[in-house]
Amino acid sequence: MKSMVGSVDAATRIIGDKWTPRLLRFFLTEPTVRFCQLQDMTGDINPRTLSARLVKLEDEGIISKRPTTASRCEYELTQKGRDLLPILDQMHEWSSKYPSN
């Protein structure tokens, strides 16, 4: 049981903050996304927060950053990131079944 707790803690450290699951869900419909697209899709995320989350996801190997021009880049899920999508789907199903009060 202790190893399961450690594993859940590890996953929570990666996807447990406010914005990360929201950001990852955009990759369900868009294979590659630019910073400004993510900012537009979220609507109210602070650019510094968005940048910090993207750096964290890149450091964790969840997304990769690919330059497209000298001043632009695109983000895409790695295999490790794609492996998170079923977890996010399960979270969606659970929260639909048991909405918060």
PDB file of N, CA and C in Angstrom:
ATOM      1  N   MET A   1       0.824  -1.204   0.000  1.00  0.00           N
ATOM      2  CA  MET A   1       0.000   0.000   0.000  1.00  0.00           C
ATOM      3  C   MET A   1       0.858   1.253   0.000  1.00  0.00           C
ATOM      4  N   LYS A   2       1.984   1.197   0.689  1.00  0.00           N
ATOM      5  CA  LYS A   2       2.842   2.370   0.780  1.00  0.00           C
ATOM      6  C   LYS A   2       3.336   2.800  -0.593  1.00  0.00           C
ATOM      7  N   SER A   3       3.676   1.845  -1.478  1.00  0.00           N
ATOM      8  CA  SER A   3       4.153   2.219  -2.804  1.00  0.00           C
ATOM      9  C   SER A   3       3.054   2.879  -3.634  1.00  0.00           C
ATOM     10  N   MET A   4       1.793   2.454  -3.431  1.00  0.00           N
ATOM     11  CA  MET A   4       0.687   3.090  -4.148  1.00  0.00           C
ATOM     12  C   MET A   4       0.528   4.534  -3.700  1.00  0.00           C
ATOM     13  N   VAL A   5       0.649   4.776  -2.415  1.00  0.00           N
ATOM     14  CA  VAL A   5       0.559   6.143  -1.902  1.00  0.00           C
ATOM     15  C   VAL A   5       1.655   6.995  -2.515  1.00  0.00           C
ATOM     16  N   GLY A   6       2.874   6.474  -2.555  1.00  0.00           N
ATOM     17  CA  GLY A   6       3.979   7.210  -3.155  1.00  0.00           C
ATOM     18  C   GLY A   6       3.743   7.500  -4.623  1.00  0.00           C
ATOM     19  N   SER A   7       3.163   6.542  -5.337  1.00  0.00           N
ATOM     20  CA  SER A   7       2.872   6.730  -6.758  1.00  0.00           C
ATOM     21  C   SER A   7       1.799   7.787  -6.978  1.00  0.00           C
ATOM     22  N   VAL A   8       0.767   7.742  -6.144  1.00  0.00           N
ATOM     23  CA  VAL A   8      -0.299   8.745  -6.250  1.00  0.00           C
ATOM     24  C   VAL A   8       0.263  10.123  -5.924  1.00  0.00           C
ATOM     25  N   ASP A   9       1.118  10.197  -4.908  1.00  0.00           N
ATOM     26  CA  ASP A   9       1.752  11.473  -4.570  1.00  0.00           C
ATOM     27  C   ASP A   9       2.574  11.999  -5.738  1.00  0.00           C
ATOM     28  N   ALA A  10       3.304  11.115  -6.408  1.00  0.00           N
ATOM     29  CA  ALA A  10       4.132  11.528  -7.543  1.00  0.00           C
ATOM     30  C   ALA A  10       3.256  12.080  -8.673  1.00  0.00           C
ATOM     31  N   ALA A  11       2.161  11.403  -8.968  1.00  0.00           N
ATOM     32  CA  ALA A  11       1.258  11.871 -10.018  1.00  0.00           C
ATOM     33  C   ALA A  11       0.609  13.195  -9.629  1.00  0.00           C
ATOM     34  N   THR A  12       0.244  13.322  -8.369  1.00  0.00           N
ATOM     35  CA  THR A  12      -0.387  14.553  -7.889  1.00  0.00           C
ATOM     36  C   THR A  12       0.565  15.741  -7.986  1.00  0.00           C
ATOM     37  N   ARG A  13       1.839  15.505  -7.717  1.00  0.00           N
ATOM     38  CA  ARG A  13       2.816  16.595  -7.852  1.00  0.00           C
ATOM     39  C   ARG A  13       2.887  17.120  -9.278  1.00  0.00           C
ATOM     40  N   ILE A  14       2.613  16.254 -10.235  1.00  0.00           N
ATOM     41  CA  ILE A  14       2.688  16.666 -11.640  1.00  0.00           C
ATOM     42  C   ILE A  14       1.384  17.304 -12.105  1.00  0.00           C
ATOM     43  N   ILE A  15       0.241  16.683 -11.830  1.00  0.00           N
ATOM     44  CA  ILE A  15      -1.024  17.173 -12.397  1.00  0.00           C
ATOM     45  C   ILE A  15      -1.974  17.740 -11.358  1.00  0.00           C
ATOM     46  N   GLY A  16      -1.524  17.912 -10.131  1.00  0.00           N
ATOM     47  CA  GLY A  16      -2.432  18.296  -9.058  1.00  0.00           C
ATOM     48  C   GLY A  16      -2.651  19.774  -8.856  1.00  0.00           C
ATOM     49  N   ASP A  17      -1.990  20.636  -9.615  1.00  0.00           N
ATOM     50  CA  ASP A  17      -2.229  22.059  -9.400  1.00  0.00           C
ATOM     51  C   ASP A  17      -3.430  22.533 -10.217  1.00  0.00           C
ATOM     52  N   LYS A  18      -3.812  23.755 -10.001  1.00  0.00           N
ATOM     53  CA  LYS A  18      -5.039  24.288 -10.589  1.00  0.00           C
ATOM     54  C   LYS A  18      -5.058  24.233 -12.118  1.00  0.00           C
ATOM     55  N   TRP A  19      -4.002  24.590 -12.772  1.00  0.00           N
ATOM     56  CA  TRP A  19      -4.047  24.787 -14.210  1.00  0.00           C
ATOM     57  C   TRP A  19      -3.618  23.587 -15.048  1.00  0.00           C
ATOM     58  N   THR A  20      -2.810  22.707 -14.514  1.00  0.00           N
ATOM     59  CA  THR A  20      -2.231  21.649 -15.348  1.00  0.00           C
ATOM     60  C   THR A  20      -3.272  20.754 -16.009  1.00  0.00           C
ATOM     61  N   PRO A  21      -4.256  20.212 -15.291  1.00  0.00           N
ATOM     62  CA  PRO A  21      -5.253  19.393 -15.999  1.00  0.00           C
ATOM     63  C   PRO A  21      -6.010  20.188 -17.073  1.00  0.00           C
ATOM     64  N   ARG A  22      -6.276  21.428 -16.786  1.00  0.00           N
ATOM     65  CA  ARG A  22      -6.969  22.269 -17.778  1.00  0.00           C
ATOM     66  C   ARG A  22      -6.120  22.446 -19.024  1.00  0.00           C
ATOM     67  N   LEU A  23      -4.836  22.647 -18.840  1.00  0.00           N
ATOM     68  CA  LEU A  23      -3.949  22.807 -19.990  1.00  0.00           C
ATOM     69  C   LEU A  23      -3.841  21.510 -20.780  1.00  0.00           C
ATOM     70  N   LEU A  24      -3.701  20.413 -20.083  1.00  0.00           N
ATOM     71  CA  LEU A  24      -3.541  19.129 -20.762  1.00  0.00           C
ATOM     72  C   LEU A  24      -4.763  18.749 -21.582  1.00  0.00           C
ATOM     73  N   ARG A  25      -5.925  19.154 -21.151  1.00  0.00           N
ATOM     74  CA  ARG A  25      -7.133  18.757 -21.894  1.00  0.00           C
ATOM     75  C   ARG A  25      -7.168  19.371 -23.292  1.00  0.00           C
ATOM     76  N   PHE A  26      -6.491  20.505 -23.492  1.00  0.00           N
ATOM     77  CA  PHE A  26      -6.476  21.112 -24.823  1.00  0.00           C
ATOM     78  C   PHE A  26      -5.715  20.259 -25.827  1.00  0.00           C
ATOM     79  N   PHE A  27      -4.812  19.429 -25.321  1.00  0.00           N
ATOM     80  CA  PHE A  27      -4.067  18.551 -26.211  1.00  0.00           C
ATOM     81  C   PHE A  27      -4.911  17.378 -26.689  1.00  0.00           C
ATOM     82  N   LEU A  28      -6.101  17.193 -26.125  1.00  0.00           N
ATOM     83  CA  LEU A  28      -7.011  16.155 -26.602  1.00  0.00           C
ATOM     84  C   LEU A  28      -7.493  16.454 -28.012  1.00  0.00           C
ATOM     85  N   THR A  29      -7.672  17.737 -28.303  1.00  0.00           N
ATOM     86  CA  THR A  29      -8.202  18.129 -29.612  1.00  0.00           C
ATOM     87  C   THR A  29      -7.159  18.776 -30.515  1.00  0.00           C
ATOM     88  N   GLU A  30      -6.087  19.253 -29.935  1.00  0.00           N
ATOM     89  CA  GLU A  30      -5.038  19.923 -30.714  1.00  0.00           C
ATOM     90  C   GLU A  30      -3.724  19.176 -30.525  1.00  0.00           C
ATOM     91  N   PRO A  31      -3.152  18.619 -31.590  1.00  0.00           N
ATOM     92  CA  PRO A  31      -1.894  17.889 -31.416  1.00  0.00           C
ATOM     93  C   PRO A  31      -0.723  18.800 -31.030  1.00  0.00           C
ATOM     94  N   THR A  32      -0.721  20.006 -31.546  1.00  0.00           N
ATOM     95  CA  THR A  32       0.297  20.984 -31.168  1.00  0.00           C
ATOM     96  C   THR A  32      -0.402  22.300 -30.827  1.00  0.00           C
ATOM     97  N   VAL A  33       0.134  22.996 -29.834  1.00  0.00           N
ATOM     98  CA  VAL A  33      -0.491  24.228 -29.351  1.00  0.00           C
ATOM     99  C   VAL A  33       0.600  25.250 -29.077  1.00  0.00           C
ATOM    100  N   ARG A  34       0.331  26.491 -29.450  1.00  0.00           N
ATOM    101  CA  ARG A  34       1.247  27.591 -29.153  1.00  0.00           C
ATOM    102  C   ARG A  34       0.852  28.246 -27.832  1.00  0.00           C
ATOM    103  N   PHE A  35       1.792  28.957 -27.243  1.00  0.00           N
ATOM    104  CA  PHE A  35       1.582  29.644 -25.974  1.00  0.00           C
ATOM    105  C   PHE A  35       0.340  30.532 -26.029  1.00  0.00           C
ATOM    106  N   CYS A  36       0.248  31.354 -27.073  1.00  0.00           N
ATOM    107  CA  CYS A  36      -0.881  32.285 -27.171  1.00  0.00           C
ATOM    108  C   CYS A  36      -2.207  31.542 -27.314  1.00  0.00           C
ATOM    109  N   GLN A  37      -2.205  30.382 -27.963  1.00  0.00           N
ATOM    110  CA  GLN A  37      -3.431  29.585 -28.064  1.00  0.00           C
ATOM    111  C   GLN A  37      -3.858  29.083 -26.682  1.00  0.00           C
ATOM    112  N   LEU A  38      -2.893  28.596 -25.912  1.00  0.00           N
ATOM    113  CA  LEU A  38      -3.209  28.131 -24.564  1.00  0.00           C
ATOM    114  C   LEU A  38      -3.743  29.268 -23.710  1.00  0.00           C
ATOM    115  N   GLN A  39      -3.147  30.429 -23.866  1.00  0.00           N
ATOM    116  CA  GLN A  39      -3.602  31.589 -23.106  1.00  0.00           C
ATOM    117  C   GLN A  39      -5.032  31.959 -23.500  1.00  0.00           C
ATOM    118  N   ASP A  40      -5.320  31.934 -24.788  1.00  0.00           N
ATOM    119  CA  ASP A  40      -6.681  32.237 -25.258  1.00  0.00           C
ATOM    120  C   ASP A  40      -7.687  31.191 -24.791  1.00  0.00           C
ATOM    121  N   MET A  41      -7.291  29.922 -24.834  1.00  0.00           N
ATOM    122  CA  MET A  41      -8.207  28.836 -24.462  1.00  0.00           C
ATOM    123  C   MET A  41      -8.561  28.873 -22.982  1.00  0.00           C
ATOM    124  N   THR A  42      -7.610  29.246 -22.146  1.00  0.00           N
ATOM    125  CA  THR A  42      -7.881  29.269 -20.713  1.00  0.00           C
ATOM    126  C   THR A  42      -8.606  30.538 -20.307  1.00  0.00           C
ATOM    127  N   GLY A  43      -8.375  31.619 -21.021  1.00  0.00           N
ATOM    128  CA  GLY A  43      -9.084  32.860 -20.749  1.00  0.00           C
ATOM    129  C   GLY A  43      -8.513  33.711 -19.648  1.00  0.00           C
ATOM    130  N   ASP A  44      -8.232  33.125 -18.488  1.00  0.00           N
ATOM    131  CA  ASP A  44      -7.828  33.985 -17.383  1.00  0.00           C
ATOM    132  C   ASP A  44      -6.537  33.560 -16.692  1.00  0.00           C
ATOM    133  N   ILE A  45      -5.726  32.755 -17.336  1.00  0.00           N
ATOM    134  CA  ILE A  45      -4.454  32.369 -16.721  1.00  0.00           C
ATOM    135  C   ILE A  45      -3.434  33.502 -16.899  1.00  0.00           C
ATOM    136  N   ASN A  46      -2.723  33.766 -15.852  1.00  0.00           N
ATOM    137  CA  ASN A  46      -1.664  34.757 -15.899  1.00  0.00           C
ATOM    138  C   ASN A  46      -0.531  34.212 -16.769  1.00  0.00           C
ATOM    139  N   PRO A  47       0.065  35.038 -17.645  1.00  0.00           N
ATOM    140  CA  PRO A  47       1.142  34.551 -18.512  1.00  0.00           C
ATOM    141  C   PRO A  47       2.320  33.941 -17.739  1.00  0.00           C
ATOM    142  N   ARG A  48       2.639  34.495 -16.588  1.00  0.00           N
ATOM    143  CA  ARG A  48       3.724  33.917 -15.781  1.00  0.00           C
ATOM    144  C   ARG A  48       3.359  32.538 -15.274  1.00  0.00           C
ATOM    145  N   THR A  49       2.109  32.383 -14.862  1.00  0.00           N
ATOM    146  CA  THR A  49       1.639  31.079 -14.388  1.00  0.00           C
ATOM    147  C   THR A  49       1.656  30.071 -15.530  1.00  0.00           C
ATOM    148  N   LEU A  50       1.175  30.481 -16.683  1.00  0.00           N
ATOM    149  CA  LEU A  50       1.176  29.598 -17.848  1.00  0.00           C
ATOM    150  C   LEU A  50       2.603  29.180 -18.187  1.00  0.00           C
ATOM    151  N   SER A  51       3.495  30.123 -18.223  1.00  0.00           N
ATOM    152  CA  SER A  51       4.888  29.814 -18.524  1.00  0.00           C
ATOM    153  C   SER A  51       5.476  28.835 -17.505  1.00  0.00           C
ATOM    154  N   ALA A  52       5.199  29.074 -16.231  1.00  0.00           N
ATOM    155  CA  ALA A  52       5.710  28.185 -15.176  1.00  0.00           C
ATOM    156  C   ALA A  52       5.151  26.772 -15.327  1.00  0.00           C
ATOM    157  N   ARG A  53       3.860  26.657 -15.645  1.00  0.00           N
ATOM    158  CA  ARG A  53       3.254  25.330 -15.805  1.00  0.00           C
ATOM    159  C   ARG A  53       3.854  24.606 -17.008  1.00  0.00           C
ATOM    160  N   LEU A  54       4.075  25.331 -18.095  1.00  0.00           N
ATOM    161  CA  LEU A  54       4.653  24.710 -19.284  1.00  0.00           C
ATOM    162  C   LEU A  54       6.082  24.245 -19.023  1.00  0.00           C
ATOM    163  N   VAL A  55       6.846  25.045 -18.311  1.00  0.00           N
ATOM    164  CA  VAL A  55       8.214  24.647 -17.961  1.00  0.00           C
ATOM    165  C   VAL A  55       8.189  23.395 -17.084  1.00  0.00           C
ATOM    166  N   LYS A  56       7.287  23.373 -16.107  1.00  0.00           N
ATOM    167  CA  LYS A  56       7.179  22.207 -15.219  1.00  0.00           C
ATOM    168  C   LYS A  56       6.810  20.962 -16.017  1.00  0.00           C
ATOM    169  N   LEU A  57       5.834  21.082 -16.919  1.00  0.00           N
ATOM    170  CA  LEU A  57       5.419  19.935 -17.728  1.00  0.00           C
ATOM    171  C   LEU A  57       6.539  19.479 -18.658  1.00  0.00           C
ATOM    172  N   GLU A  58       7.294  20.427 -19.164  1.00  0.00           N
ATOM    173  CA  GLU A  58       8.430  20.072 -20.016  1.00  0.00           C
ATOM    174  C   GLU A  58       9.523  19.379 -19.188  1.00  0.00           C
ATOM    175  N   ASP A  59       9.809  19.915 -18.014  1.00  0.00           N
ATOM    176  CA  ASP A  59      10.805  19.299 -17.127  1.00  0.00           C
ATOM    177  C   ASP A  59      10.411  17.884 -16.724  1.00  0.00           C
ATOM    178  N   GLU A  60       9.110  17.643 -16.561  1.00  0.00           N
ATOM    179  CA  GLU A  60       8.609  16.320 -16.185  1.00  0.00           C
ATOM    180  C   GLU A  60       8.510  15.364 -17.370  1.00  0.00           C
ATOM    181  N   GLY A  61       8.746  15.868 -18.572  1.00  0.00           N
ATOM    182  CA  GLY A  61       8.670  15.024 -19.758  1.00  0.00           C
ATOM    183  C   GLY A  61       7.261  14.781 -20.252  1.00  0.00           C
ATOM    184  N   ILE A  62       6.322  15.635 -19.840  1.00  0.00           N
ATOM    185  CA  ILE A  62       4.916  15.493 -20.235  1.00  0.00           C
ATOM    186  C   ILE A  62       4.669  16.150 -21.597  1.00  0.00           C
ATOM    187  N   ILE A  63       5.316  17.276 -21.836  1.00  0.00           N
ATOM    188  CA  ILE A  63       5.211  17.963 -23.118  1.00  0.00           C
ATOM    189  C   ILE A  63       6.620  18.207 -23.649  1.00  0.00           C
ATOM    190  N   SER A  64       6.683  18.485 -24.938  1.00  0.00           N
ATOM    191  CA  SER A  64       7.943  18.919 -25.531  1.00  0.00           C
ATOM    192  C   SER A  64       7.681  20.233 -26.259  1.00  0.00           C
ATOM    193  N   LYS A  65       8.711  21.026 -26.328  1.00  0.00           N
ATOM    194  CA  LYS A  65       8.626  22.349 -26.956  1.00  0.00           C
ATOM    195  C   LYS A  65       9.439  22.292 -28.236  1.00  0.00           C
ATOM    196  N   ARG A  66       8.809  22.705 -29.333  1.00  0.00           N
ATOM    197  CA  ARG A  66       9.461  22.653 -30.632  1.00  0.00           C
ATOM    198  C   ARG A  66       9.425  24.041 -31.264  1.00  0.00           C
ATOM    199  N   PRO A  67      10.601  24.623 -31.527  1.00  0.00           N
ATOM    200  CA  PRO A  67      10.614  25.935 -32.183  1.00  0.00           C
ATOM    201  C   PRO A  67      10.064  25.827 -33.604  1.00  0.00           C
ATOM    202  N   THR A  68       9.250  26.809 -33.985  1.00  0.00           N
ATOM    203  CA  THR A  68       8.731  26.843 -35.353  1.00  0.00           C
ATOM    204  C   THR A  68       9.359  27.985 -36.141  1.00  0.00           C
ATOM    205  N   THR A  69       9.636  29.085 -35.466  1.00  0.00           N
ATOM    206  CA  THR A  69      10.360  30.211 -36.052  1.00  0.00           C
ATOM    207  C   THR A  69      11.282  30.749 -34.961  1.00  0.00           C
ATOM    208  N   ALA A  70      11.969  31.825 -35.263  1.00  0.00           N
ATOM    209  CA  ALA A  70      12.898  32.405 -34.283  1.00  0.00           C
ATOM    210  C   ALA A  70      12.181  32.853 -33.012  1.00  0.00           C
ATOM    211  N   SER A  71      10.928  33.286 -33.134  1.00  0.00           N
ATOM    212  CA  SER A  71      10.229  33.820 -31.969  1.00  0.00           C
ATOM    213  C   SER A  71       9.023  32.986 -31.528  1.00  0.00           C
ATOM    214  N   ARG A  72       8.755  31.890 -32.191  1.00  0.00           N
ATOM    215  CA  ARG A  72       7.584  31.078 -31.851  1.00  0.00           C
ATOM    216  C   ARG A  72       7.960  29.622 -31.637  1.00  0.00           C
ATOM    217  N   CYS A  73       7.138  28.975 -30.828  1.00  0.00           N
ATOM    218  CA  CYS A  73       7.321  27.539 -30.628  1.00  0.00           C
ATOM    219  C   CYS A  73       5.958  26.902 -30.412  1.00  0.00           C
ATOM    220  N   GLU A  74       5.937  25.608 -30.559  1.00  0.00           N
ATOM    221  CA  GLU A  74       4.726  24.840 -30.326  1.00  0.00           C
ATOM    222  C   GLU A  74       5.010  23.796 -29.261  1.00  0.00           C
ATOM    223  N   TYR A  75       3.975  23.450 -28.530  1.00  0.00           N
ATOM    224  CA  TYR A  75       4.062  22.425 -27.499  1.00  0.00           C
ATOM    225  C   TYR A  75       3.248  21.234 -27.948  1.00  0.00           C
ATOM    226  N   GLU A  76       3.755  20.047 -27.647  1.00  0.00           N
ATOM    227  CA  GLU A  76       3.015  18.829 -27.949  1.00  0.00           C
ATOM    228  C   GLU A  76       3.256  17.819 -26.843  1.00  0.00           C
ATOM    229  N   LEU A  77       2.304  16.912 -26.693  1.00  0.00           N
ATOM    230  CA  LEU A  77       2.433  15.874 -25.679  1.00  0.00           C
ATOM    231  C   LEU A  77       3.494  14.864 -26.089  1.00  0.00           C
ATOM    232  N   THR A  78       4.254  14.420 -25.130  1.00  0.00           N
ATOM    233  CA  THR A  78       5.144  13.290 -25.327  1.00  0.00           C
ATOM    234  C   THR A  78       4.327  12.023 -25.089  1.00  0.00           C
ATOM    235  N   GLN A  79       4.952  10.880 -25.243  1.00  0.00           N
ATOM    236  CA  GLN A  79       4.242   9.631 -24.933  1.00  0.00           C
ATOM    237  C   GLN A  79       3.831   9.613 -23.467  1.00  0.00           C
ATOM    238  N   LYS A  80       4.708  10.092 -22.607  1.00  0.00           N
ATOM    239  CA  LYS A  80       4.388  10.163 -21.179  1.00  0.00           C
ATOM    240  C   LYS A  80       3.151  11.034 -20.957  1.00  0.00           C
ATOM    241  N   GLY A  81       3.041  12.128 -21.690  1.00  0.00           N
ATOM    242  CA  GLY A  81       1.874  12.999 -21.590  1.00  0.00           C
ATOM    243  C   GLY A  81       0.624  12.346 -22.146  1.00  0.00           C
ATOM    244  N   ARG A  82       0.751  11.653 -23.267  1.00  0.00           N
ATOM    245  CA  ARG A  82      -0.410  10.959 -23.838  1.00  0.00           C
ATOM    246  C   ARG A  82      -0.912   9.875 -22.894  1.00  0.00           C
ATOM    247  N   ASP A  83      -0.002   9.281 -22.125  1.00  0.00           N
ATOM    248  CA  ASP A  83      -0.410   8.258 -21.158  1.00  0.00           C
ATOM    249  C   ASP A  83      -1.233   8.845 -20.010  1.00  0.00           C
ATOM    250  N   LEU A  84      -1.182  10.159 -19.819  1.00  0.00           N
ATOM    251  CA  LEU A  84      -1.999  10.817 -18.792  1.00  0.00           C
ATOM    252  C   LEU A  84      -3.446  11.024 -19.230  1.00  0.00           C
ATOM    253  N   LEU A  85      -3.701  11.041 -20.513  1.00  0.00           N
ATOM    254  CA  LEU A  85      -5.039  11.375 -21.006  1.00  0.00           C
ATOM    255  C   LEU A  85      -6.119  10.428 -20.491  1.00  0.00           C
ATOM    256  N   PRO A  86      -5.897   9.114 -20.426  1.00  0.00           N
ATOM    257  CA  PRO A  86      -6.943   8.252 -19.849  1.00  0.00           C
ATOM    258  C   PRO A  86      -7.226   8.579 -18.378  1.00  0.00           C
ATOM    259  N   ILE A  87      -6.206   9.003 -17.660  1.00  0.00           N
ATOM    260  CA  ILE A  87      -6.408   9.392 -16.258  1.00  0.00           C
ATOM    261  C   ILE A  87      -7.312  10.613 -16.189  1.00  0.00           C
ATOM    262  N   LEU A  88      -7.064  11.581 -17.057  1.00  0.00           N
ATOM    263  CA  LEU A  88      -7.911  12.781 -17.086  1.00  0.00           C
ATOM    264  C   LEU A  88      -9.333  12.427 -17.495  1.00  0.00           C
ATOM    265  N   ASP A  89      -9.478  11.486 -18.437  1.00  0.00           N
ATOM    266  CA  ASP A  89     -10.819  11.017 -18.823  1.00  0.00           C
ATOM    267  C   ASP A  89     -11.535  10.396 -17.631  1.00  0.00           C
ATOM    268  N   GLN A  90     -10.836   9.585 -16.850  1.00  0.00           N
ATOM    269  CA  GLN A  90     -11.427   8.966 -15.668  1.00  0.00           C
ATOM    270  C   GLN A  90     -11.816  10.016 -14.631  1.00  0.00           C
ATOM    271  N   MET A  91     -10.988  11.033 -14.468  1.00  0.00           N
ATOM    272  CA  MET A  91     -11.318  12.117 -13.537  1.00  0.00           C
ATOM    273  C   MET A  91     -12.587  12.820 -13.994  1.00  0.00           C
ATOM    274  N   HIS A  92     -12.719  13.032 -15.301  1.00  0.00           N
ATOM    275  CA  HIS A  92     -13.922  13.662 -15.852  1.00  0.00           C
ATOM    276  C   HIS A  92     -15.154  12.799 -15.587  1.00  0.00           C
ATOM    277  N   GLU A  93     -15.037  11.507 -15.852  1.00  0.00           N
ATOM    278  CA  GLU A  93     -16.171  10.602 -15.624  1.00  0.00           C
ATOM    279  C   GLU A  93     -16.573  10.588 -14.160  1.00  0.00           C
ATOM    280  N   TRP A  94     -15.602  10.510 -13.267  1.00  0.00           N
ATOM    281  CA  TRP A  94     -15.879  10.475 -11.830  1.00  0.00           C
ATOM    282  C   TRP A  94     -16.568  11.763 -11.389  1.00  0.00           C
ATOM    283  N   SER A  95     -16.044  12.909 -11.845  1.00  0.00           N
ATOM    284  CA  SER A  95     -16.649  14.170 -11.398  1.00  0.00           C
ATOM    285  C   SER A  95     -18.029  14.388 -12.016  1.00  0.00           C
ATOM    286  N   SER A  96     -18.279  13.801 -13.169  1.00  0.00           N
ATOM    287  CA  SER A  96     -19.632  13.867 -13.751  1.00  0.00           C
ATOM    288  C   SER A  96     -20.597  13.007 -12.946  1.00  0.00           C
ATOM    289  N   LYS A  97     -20.107  11.876 -12.487  1.00  0.00           N
ATOM    290  CA  LYS A  97     -20.943  10.969 -11.708  1.00  0.00           C
ATOM    291  C   LYS A  97     -21.205  11.518 -10.305  1.00  0.00           C
ATOM    292  N   TYR A  98     -20.198  12.194  -9.734  1.00  0.00           N
ATOM    293  CA  TYR A  98     -20.298  12.712  -8.369  1.00  0.00           C
ATOM    294  C   TYR A  98     -19.959  14.199  -8.347  1.00  0.00           C
ATOM    295  N   PRO A  99     -20.861  15.029  -8.859  1.00  0.00           N
ATOM    296  CA  PRO A  99     -20.568  16.471  -8.875  1.00  0.00           C
ATOM    297  C   PRO A  99     -20.402  17.025  -7.457  1.00  0.00           C
ATOM    298  N   SER A 100     -19.511  17.999  -7.345  1.00  0.00           N
ATOM    299  CA  SER A 100     -19.305  18.615  -6.017  1.00  0.00           C
ATOM    300  C   SER A 100     -20.491  19.481  -5.650  1.00  0.00           C
ATOM    301  N   ASN A 101     -20.669  19.653  -4.374  1.00  0.00           N
ATOM    302  CA  ASN A 101     -21.818  20.425  -3.873  1.00  0.00           C
ATOM    303  C   ASN A 101     -21.552  21.885  -3.909  1.00  0.00           C
TER     304      ASN A 101
END
